[in-house]
Structures are given as C-alpha cells and as structure tokens.
Amino acid sequence: MIDHRIFPLLRCPTCGLRPLIVEDHGLRCPRCQTCYPFCDGYLDLMPRGAAFDYVSKYVTDEEQLAAELDYRELAPPLLAAGVRDRTLRRLMRWRKTDVVLDNGCGTAKHAVWNAKYVGLMVGSDPATLFADEAVRTVTLVKADSRVLPFADNSFDKVFAIDILEHFPLPVIDAYLAETARVLRPGGRMLAFSNTRERSPIQPLIDVSRKIGRLFVKAGVYDFEREKLRKSDHIKALATWEDVVAAFERAGLRPVKVVFWNSLFTTFVEHVLMKLGEAVIGRVRGRTPTTDVPARVSAGTAREIRARRRMRGYLRQKGPVYYALLAVTLLMELDLWLFGWMRCGSYFILVEKPRA
C-alpha cells in the first residue's frame, strides 16, 4: 500500500530536491530527472549512482535469506518479538496524529503491529523482504538509511529494532545523523540493539544456554537459522558509553533506557520453544509444508514447518495463543525485574532537542 500522504514528505535521494513529481508509474525528480518507480506495494527510492563501502547482507544475499527466513506471513506479536513490541508501544506513547518511520523495517512486522495506533506509518529498508500483510497495510519504501528520501523534520517518531548491531561505526553515524535530520524538533526515536557487555547475572543466564547445547549435541534441534540471521552482527558499539556517544554525535539526547537481562528469555528461546519447534516440526499434520525450500538444512526446514503450523493455531486465538501470551509476559519480567541492571541488550529512547 502506498498512502498518498507520503508524497509531500519525500525528497530526491539522488540530488536532494523536493518536491518530487507524481506520475502514473512512479515519481520523478524535476532537477536530475531520476525516476523512482511504484513497485509491487512499495516505492523504490534508492539513490541512483551511489557507491557505499558497506552493503547489508540482507541486500547482497536477499534471495537466499528469502528462502531461509520464511518472512512473508506474520504471526501475532508474541515471545521475544512481543516483548520488543510491547516495550516499543509503552515507551513511544503513540498518538493518532503521529507520523512514524520504522527505519530499517525488515519484514515491517512492528510497523504492521503499530500502524493502527498512529496517523501514518512508513517502513523503510534497502531489502524488500516485506511481509505480505505489510505490503497490504503499511506504506513501504525501498531506501538506504544513509540517504533517506525524506525531507527535514518529516516525522514525529522513529524506531529501529535490531538494526545498529549490523553496522560498522561510520554507517551507524550516518544512520543516526539521517534519523535526526528527518525527526521533527521534540521528536523521539526508540532503538533496540545490543553491545558486547555481559549481564551481571550472566552465570544464571548461561545455565539455559548450556542446557540448549546439550539438546543440540543430542540432535534434538539446532540453531542454524539463528546463526544465519545473526551472522553479520558487528556490534561496533561495544559498550554502553559507545552507544550514548553515538546518539550524542547525532544530536539526539537520551531520555530513558531499559536493559534486557534475559534470564527468563534465554530459557524460553534456548530450551522451551526449541523443544516445542522440534516436536511440532516432526509431527505430520494437515498444514501444507511442501513449499519449504529444498536447499535449507534439515533443522531449518523443521523449524519453518513448526512455525507455519503454529501460525495456523495462533490465528484462532485459542489455548495455544494464550499459552504463548503467558510465556511472553514471563519473558517481559526480565525488563521489569532487571531493566535497571546494565547489560548488552538495551532499549534507548532519545529526543531531538527543540530549537
């Protein structure tokens, strides 16, 4: 879906001019004459002729990741994604008048889950691994976050979930500078990411990791899909001081931070849910699974089958849904009980100062 309200917010990512001219098949810059086409549910606003030193794996390996990540169908916001989403809503305090950017949206699941709370939700990403529901319901833009195709002061709020850990430091600085540019004075940004710091309760957290490794060694399940998803994590912001300094370089003032010491979360992710996926993925059922890509590993295929079957259960909002909601609330206890305790994973809320 392309909401026409986005057109006045746009500028040419190639030469910086605005406004762009709306034509039948896309947008055209009146200065450099670059054309940006309307694609299947999104706008292609990548800068033309730009050469970047760093290109995301999600762009270079988009076809492979499309097969591995099983991204097209969204589940409800549950488990770790649900904790992120509930925290996003709590800290951002959405208003019906907000114009919001999900900067580096991936599948755009958080944009989908929060679109009903705001006036206009825009998802931006250089890869087009957008979920089908996002294509139907959210305004999506293919764009590079170092050269955002939006005018200065366009958005009331911006969020970035699981983004900064992927980038080297120069890209982080460019990403945050562009975010600050498109934020309105007094506007706020929420980022969730992680550093290299260990939790003060890491020995307790590691108990669940050790149990998980025992199940992996026994061949019950594996973490190949997680390894692929995290294989390009750089964590250039290695410490909390690095995080604060990066936002301050962009002119963004920290307002609030919540740390995620994942005591309950690690047990759920490394033991409980992996065991559930292993069982469900092996059971024959009526859910179609023949379109699982043949080139993925056996463990990844089993996990994809399990997740597809689970999505079928969750759509019914029955006992399985409410059981997973209870597990989500258990995971959220990590924030309420230990959110003051500095560790690697963090939510940071920052503000662009008013003039």
Protein backbone atom coordinates (compact mmCIF):
# COMPACT_ATOMS: atom_id res chain seq x y z
CA MET A 1 0.00 0.00 0.00
CA ILE A 2 1.30 3.44 -0.89
CA ASP A 3 -0.51 6.14 1.10
CA HIS A 4 -0.51 9.37 -0.91
CA ARG A 5 0.11 11.32 2.28
CA ILE A 6 3.75 10.30 2.00
CA PHE A 7 4.34 12.27 -1.22
CA PRO A 8 4.78 15.72 0.43
CA LEU A 9 7.36 14.19 2.81
CA LEU A 10 9.64 12.92 0.05
CA ARG A 11 12.77 14.36 -1.47
CA CYS A 12 15.06 13.04 -4.19
CA PRO A 13 17.66 10.71 -2.58
CA THR A 14 19.98 11.26 -5.55
CA CYS A 15 20.18 15.08 -5.59
CA GLY A 16 18.16 16.16 -2.52
CA LEU A 17 15.49 18.21 -4.33
CA ARG A 18 11.86 18.33 -3.25
CA PRO A 19 9.05 18.02 -4.07
CA LEU A 20 9.02 15.09 -6.46
CA ILE A 21 6.59 14.97 -9.37
CA VAL A 22 3.96 12.22 -9.12
CA GLU A 23 3.43 10.41 -12.43
CA ASP A 24 1.43 7.36 -13.49
CA HIS A 25 4.17 4.81 -12.85
CA GLY A 26 6.25 6.49 -10.19
CA LEU A 27 7.93 9.69 -9.04
CA ARG A 28 10.31 11.92 -10.96
CA CYS A 29 12.83 14.47 -9.76
CA PRO A 30 12.46 17.71 -11.76
CA ARG A 31 16.16 18.56 -11.31
CA CYS A 32 18.11 15.35 -12.02
CA GLN A 33 15.21 13.66 -13.90
CA THR A 34 15.68 10.44 -11.92
CA CYS A 35 12.56 8.25 -11.96
CA TYR A 36 11.56 6.22 -8.90
CA PRO A 37 9.02 3.53 -9.81
CA PHE A 38 5.96 2.29 -7.99
CA CYS A 39 6.73 -1.38 -7.35
CA ASP A 40 4.56 -4.18 -6.02
CA GLY A 41 3.30 -2.47 -2.87
CA TYR A 42 6.29 -0.20 -2.23
CA LEU A 43 8.23 2.76 -3.62
CA ASP A 44 11.77 2.29 -4.92
CA LEU A 45 13.62 5.34 -3.57
CA MET A 46 17.19 4.05 -3.55
CA PRO A 47 19.74 6.72 -4.52
CA ARG A 48 20.95 6.27 -8.09
CA GLY A 49 24.65 6.08 -8.81
CA ALA A 50 25.70 5.97 -5.15
CA ALA A 51 28.58 3.68 -4.14
CA PHE A 52 28.73 2.58 -0.50
CA ASP A 53 31.62 0.80 1.23
CA TYR A 54 29.21 -1.24 3.33
CA VAL A 55 26.22 -3.13 1.93
CA SER A 56 23.97 -5.21 4.19
CA LYS A 57 23.89 -8.97 3.83
CA TYR A 58 20.12 -8.62 3.59
CA VAL A 59 20.69 -6.80 0.29
CA THR A 60 23.53 -8.87 -1.17
CA ASP A 61 22.00 -12.24 -0.12
CA GLU A 62 18.34 -11.30 -0.37
CA GLU A 63 17.33 -14.33 -2.44
CA GLN A 64 18.96 -16.83 -0.07
CA LEU A 65 17.54 -15.13 3.01
CA ALA A 66 14.08 -15.07 1.47
CA ALA A 67 14.16 -18.87 1.50
CA GLU A 68 15.69 -19.24 4.95
CA LEU A 69 13.71 -16.65 6.91
CA ASP A 70 10.15 -17.61 5.89
CA TYR A 71 9.21 -13.94 6.12
CA ARG A 72 6.01 -13.49 4.13
CA GLU A 73 3.43 -14.48 6.76
CA LEU A 74 3.34 -12.73 10.14
CA ALA A 75 2.40 -14.28 13.46
CA PRO A 76 0.90 -12.20 16.28
CA PRO A 77 3.37 -10.24 18.46
CA LEU A 78 4.41 -12.94 20.91
CA LEU A 79 7.58 -14.21 22.63
CA ALA A 80 10.71 -12.06 22.11
CA ALA A 81 9.11 -10.10 19.26
CA GLY A 82 6.13 -9.50 21.52
CA VAL A 83 8.33 -8.18 24.33
CA ARG A 84 10.02 -5.80 21.88
CA ASP A 85 6.67 -4.64 20.57
CA ARG A 86 5.07 -4.11 23.97
CA THR A 87 8.11 -2.11 25.08
CA LEU A 88 8.03 -0.08 21.88
CA ARG A 89 4.40 0.91 22.49
CA ARG A 90 4.97 1.63 26.17
CA LEU A 91 7.95 3.91 25.64
CA MET A 92 6.80 5.66 22.46
CA ARG A 93 3.31 6.53 23.71
CA TRP A 94 1.73 6.61 20.27
CA ARG A 95 -0.76 9.31 19.32
CA LYS A 96 -3.30 9.17 16.49
CA THR A 97 -1.64 12.20 14.88
CA ASP A 98 1.88 10.72 14.82
CA VAL A 99 3.76 10.35 11.54
CA VAL A 100 6.16 7.46 12.23
CA LEU A 101 9.13 5.87 10.45
CA ASP A 102 10.30 2.30 11.02
CA ASN A 103 13.87 2.88 9.82
CA GLY A 104 15.28 -0.49 8.76
CA CYS A 105 11.94 -2.27 8.99
CA GLY A 106 12.91 -5.72 7.68
CA THR A 107 9.63 -7.60 7.24
CA ALA A 108 7.91 -4.48 8.68
CA LYS A 109 6.22 -6.56 11.37
CA HIS A 110 6.50 -3.84 14.01
CA ALA A 111 5.15 -1.30 11.54
CA VAL A 112 2.16 -3.58 10.89
CA TRP A 113 1.51 -4.22 14.57
CA ASN A 114 1.57 -0.50 15.43
CA ALA A 115 0.03 1.15 12.36
CA LYS A 116 -3.44 1.29 13.93
CA TYR A 117 -2.18 3.44 16.81
CA VAL A 118 -0.72 6.27 14.68
CA GLY A 119 -1.70 8.59 11.86
CA LEU A 120 0.77 7.42 9.20
CA MET A 121 3.23 4.51 9.47
CA VAL A 122 6.11 4.30 6.99
CA GLY A 123 8.53 1.36 6.73
CA SER A 124 11.92 1.83 5.08
CA ASP A 125 14.54 -0.79 4.19
CA PRO A 126 17.09 -1.38 1.40
CA ALA A 127 15.98 -5.02 1.13
CA THR A 128 12.43 -5.87 0.12
CA LEU A 129 11.77 -8.85 2.40
CA PHE A 130 8.42 -7.30 3.33
CA ALA A 131 5.67 -9.48 4.79
CA ASP A 132 2.52 -9.77 2.70
CA GLU A 133 0.44 -8.03 5.37
CA ALA A 134 2.92 -5.14 5.41
CA VAL A 135 2.60 -4.73 1.64
CA ARG A 136 -1.18 -4.55 2.07
CA THR A 137 -1.38 -2.25 5.08
CA VAL A 138 1.78 -0.12 5.50
CA THR A 139 3.45 2.48 3.29
CA LEU A 140 6.76 0.86 2.36
CA VAL A 141 9.86 2.42 0.83
CA LYS A 142 12.98 0.74 -0.52
CA ALA A 143 15.64 3.17 0.67
CA ASP A 144 19.13 3.41 2.13
CA SER A 145 19.20 4.78 5.67
CA ARG A 146 22.38 6.75 4.95
CA VAL A 147 20.50 8.82 2.33
CA LEU A 148 16.88 8.82 3.46
CA PRO A 149 14.42 10.03 0.80
CA PHE A 150 12.51 12.23 3.25
CA ALA A 151 12.52 15.97 3.86
CA ASP A 152 13.94 17.51 7.02
CA ASN A 153 11.65 17.37 10.08
CA SER A 154 9.18 14.94 8.46
CA PHE A 155 8.48 12.50 11.32
CA ASP A 156 7.18 12.80 14.85
CA LYS A 157 8.74 9.50 15.86
CA VAL A 158 11.22 6.94 14.51
CA PHE A 159 12.10 3.47 15.73
CA ALA A 160 14.86 0.98 14.95
CA ILE A 161 14.52 -2.60 16.19
CA ASP A 162 17.55 -4.91 15.85
CA ILE A 163 19.40 -2.57 13.47
CA LEU A 164 22.50 -0.94 14.95
CA GLU A 165 24.33 -4.19 15.74
CA HIS A 166 24.59 -4.89 11.99
CA PHE A 167 26.54 -1.73 11.07
CA PRO A 168 30.18 -0.58 11.26
CA LEU A 169 30.69 2.71 13.11
CA PRO A 170 30.70 5.07 10.07
CA VAL A 171 27.37 3.60 8.94
CA ILE A 172 25.92 3.97 12.44
CA ASP A 173 26.92 7.63 12.47
CA ALA A 174 25.38 8.23 9.03
CA TYR A 175 22.22 6.29 10.03
CA LEU A 176 21.72 8.30 13.22
CA ALA A 177 22.54 11.63 11.55
CA GLU A 178 19.89 10.97 8.88
CA THR A 179 17.40 9.87 11.52
CA ALA A 180 17.99 13.11 13.42
CA ARG A 181 17.57 15.11 10.21
CA VAL A 182 14.13 13.67 9.39
CA LEU A 183 12.89 13.90 13.00
CA ARG A 184 10.92 16.98 13.95
CA PRO A 185 12.28 19.09 16.84
CA GLY A 186 11.00 17.45 20.01
CA GLY A 187 10.54 14.17 18.10
CA ARG A 188 11.66 10.90 19.65
CA MET A 189 13.44 7.78 18.48
CA LEU A 190 13.49 4.36 20.12
CA ALA A 191 16.29 1.90 19.32
CA PHE A 192 16.66 -1.68 20.46
CA SER A 193 20.10 -3.24 19.96
CA ASN A 194 22.95 -4.81 21.92
CA THR A 195 26.59 -4.24 22.82
CA ARG A 196 29.30 -6.75 23.75
CA GLU A 197 28.80 -6.30 27.50
CA ARG A 198 27.78 -9.23 29.67
CA SER A 199 24.98 -9.17 32.17
CA PRO A 200 25.76 -9.13 35.92
CA ILE A 201 23.57 -12.26 36.10
CA GLN A 202 25.27 -13.92 33.11
CA PRO A 203 26.18 -17.12 35.02
CA LEU A 204 22.48 -17.73 35.64
CA ILE A 205 21.58 -16.91 32.05
CA ASP A 206 24.25 -19.29 30.76
CA VAL A 207 22.60 -22.25 32.51
CA SER A 208 19.86 -22.20 29.84
CA ARG A 209 22.48 -21.91 27.08
CA LYS A 210 24.28 -24.99 28.44
CA ILE A 211 21.03 -26.97 28.52
CA GLY A 212 20.36 -25.90 24.93
CA ARG A 213 23.81 -27.07 23.84
CA LEU A 214 23.11 -30.49 25.34
CA PHE A 215 19.96 -30.81 23.22
CA VAL A 216 21.90 -29.68 20.14
CA LYS A 217 24.59 -32.28 20.84
CA ALA A 218 21.86 -34.92 21.17
CA GLY A 219 20.48 -33.91 17.75
CA VAL A 220 17.12 -32.75 19.09
CA TYR A 221 17.36 -29.30 17.43
CA ASP A 222 19.92 -26.81 16.17
CA PHE A 223 20.43 -23.06 15.94
CA GLU A 224 21.38 -22.84 12.25
CA ARG A 225 18.59 -20.39 11.44
CA GLU A 226 19.58 -18.11 14.31
CA LYS A 227 23.23 -18.25 13.22
CA LEU A 228 22.28 -17.15 9.72
CA ARG A 229 20.16 -14.30 11.00
CA LYS A 230 22.95 -13.05 13.27
CA SER A 231 25.91 -13.87 11.04
CA ASP A 232 26.57 -10.23 10.11
CA HIS A 233 26.36 -8.81 13.65
CA ILE A 234 29.31 -6.46 14.11
CA LYS A 235 28.42 -4.73 17.39
CA ALA A 236 30.64 -1.75 16.61
CA LEU A 237 29.10 -0.04 19.65
CA ALA A 238 30.85 -2.38 22.07
CA THR A 239 29.97 -0.64 25.34
CA TRP A 240 27.16 1.45 26.73
CA GLU A 241 29.42 4.51 26.63
CA ASP A 242 29.81 3.92 22.87
CA VAL A 243 26.02 3.86 22.48
CA VAL A 244 25.47 7.14 24.31
CA ALA A 245 28.33 8.82 22.43
CA ALA A 246 26.92 7.76 19.04
CA PHE A 247 23.49 9.25 19.77
CA GLU A 248 25.03 12.43 21.14
CA ARG A 249 27.16 12.83 17.98
CA ALA A 250 23.90 12.81 16.02
CA GLY A 251 22.42 15.48 18.30
CA LEU A 252 19.96 13.10 19.96
CA ARG A 253 19.52 13.39 23.73
CA PRO A 254 18.97 10.18 25.77
CA VAL A 255 15.68 10.25 27.69
CA LYS A 256 15.25 6.72 29.05
CA VAL A 257 16.97 3.34 28.92
CA VAL A 258 15.78 -0.15 29.80
CA PHE A 259 18.23 -3.06 29.75
CA TRP A 260 17.17 -6.61 28.84
CA ASN A 261 18.92 -9.09 31.14
CA SER A 262 17.47 -12.21 29.54
CA LEU A 263 17.19 -14.69 32.42
CA PHE A 264 13.69 -15.99 31.57
CA THR A 265 14.02 -15.10 27.89
CA THR A 266 17.09 -17.28 27.33
CA PHE A 267 15.38 -20.31 28.90
CA VAL A 268 12.36 -19.77 26.63
CA GLU A 269 14.42 -19.23 23.46
CA HIS A 270 17.15 -21.84 24.00
CA VAL A 271 15.13 -24.61 25.61
CA LEU A 272 11.36 -24.29 25.84
CA MET A 273 10.48 -23.01 22.35
CA LYS A 274 13.19 -25.00 20.58
CA LEU A 275 11.83 -28.20 22.12
CA GLY A 276 8.34 -27.20 21.03
CA GLU A 277 9.51 -26.49 17.49
CA ALA A 278 11.36 -29.81 17.37
CA VAL A 279 8.22 -31.72 18.32
CA ILE A 280 5.77 -29.78 16.11
CA GLY A 281 8.16 -29.77 13.16
CA ARG A 282 8.41 -33.57 13.17
CA VAL A 283 4.69 -34.30 13.54
CA ARG A 284 2.76 -34.94 10.35
CA GLY A 285 -0.16 -32.57 10.04
CA ARG A 286 -2.64 -31.03 7.66
CA THR A 287 -0.74 -27.76 7.35
CA PRO A 288 0.86 -27.52 3.86
CA THR A 289 4.63 -27.62 4.18
CA THR A 290 5.68 -28.85 0.74
CA ASP A 291 6.87 -25.38 -0.28
CA VAL A 292 9.69 -25.38 2.29
CA PRO A 293 12.79 -24.66 0.16
CA ALA A 294 14.76 -27.82 -0.59
CA ARG A 295 18.16 -26.15 -0.17
CA VAL A 296 17.74 -25.27 3.51
CA SER A 297 19.17 -27.50 6.25
CA ALA A 298 17.04 -30.22 7.84
CA GLY A 299 16.89 -28.31 11.12
CA THR A 300 15.86 -25.08 9.41
CA ALA A 301 13.20 -26.90 7.38
CA ARG A 302 11.83 -28.48 10.55
CA GLU A 303 11.72 -25.07 12.24
CA ILE A 304 9.94 -23.47 9.26
CA ARG A 305 7.32 -26.27 9.30
CA ALA A 306 6.80 -25.81 13.04
CA ARG A 307 6.39 -22.05 12.74
CA ARG A 308 3.90 -22.36 9.90
CA ARG A 309 1.81 -24.81 11.88
CA MET A 310 1.99 -22.58 14.94
CA ARG A 311 0.78 -19.58 12.92
CA GLY A 312 -2.27 -21.62 11.98
CA TYR A 313 -3.01 -22.29 15.67
CA LEU A 314 -2.39 -18.66 16.64
CA ARG A 315 -4.86 -17.24 14.12
CA GLN A 316 -7.62 -18.99 16.06
CA LYS A 317 -6.79 -17.06 19.28
CA GLY A 318 -7.34 -20.27 21.22
CA PRO A 319 -5.42 -22.03 24.04
CA VAL A 320 -2.09 -22.02 22.16
CA TYR A 321 -2.26 -18.26 21.66
CA TYR A 322 -2.97 -17.55 25.32
CA ALA A 323 -0.29 -20.01 26.45
CA LEU A 324 2.29 -18.16 24.35
CA LEU A 325 0.99 -14.82 25.61
CA ALA A 326 1.64 -16.05 29.16
CA VAL A 327 5.18 -17.05 28.14
CA THR A 328 5.62 -13.59 26.59
CA LEU A 329 4.67 -11.95 29.88
CA LEU A 330 7.14 -14.24 31.67
CA MET A 331 9.87 -13.03 29.30
CA GLU A 332 8.86 -9.42 29.91
CA LEU A 333 9.61 -9.93 33.60
CA ASP A 334 13.27 -9.65 32.59
CA LEU A 335 12.65 -5.95 31.88
CA TRP A 336 10.58 -5.23 34.97
CA LEU A 337 12.88 -7.06 37.40
CA PHE A 338 16.31 -6.39 35.89
CA GLY A 339 15.82 -3.45 33.50
CA TRP A 340 17.92 -1.16 35.69
CA MET A 341 20.91 -3.53 35.55
CA ARG A 342 23.38 -2.61 32.81
CA CYS A 343 24.00 -5.33 30.23
CA GLY A 344 24.44 -5.76 26.48
CA SER A 345 20.83 -5.64 25.27
CA TYR A 346 19.08 -2.30 25.64
CA PHE A 347 16.14 -0.13 24.66
CA ILE A 348 17.13 3.52 24.42
CA LEU A 349 14.68 6.38 23.96
CA VAL A 350 16.22 9.61 22.64
CA GLU A 351 14.86 13.02 21.71
CA LYS A 352 15.79 15.66 19.13
CA PRO A 353 16.11 18.94 21.05
CA ARG A 354 13.77 21.78 20.18
CA ALA A 355 15.40 24.83 18.62
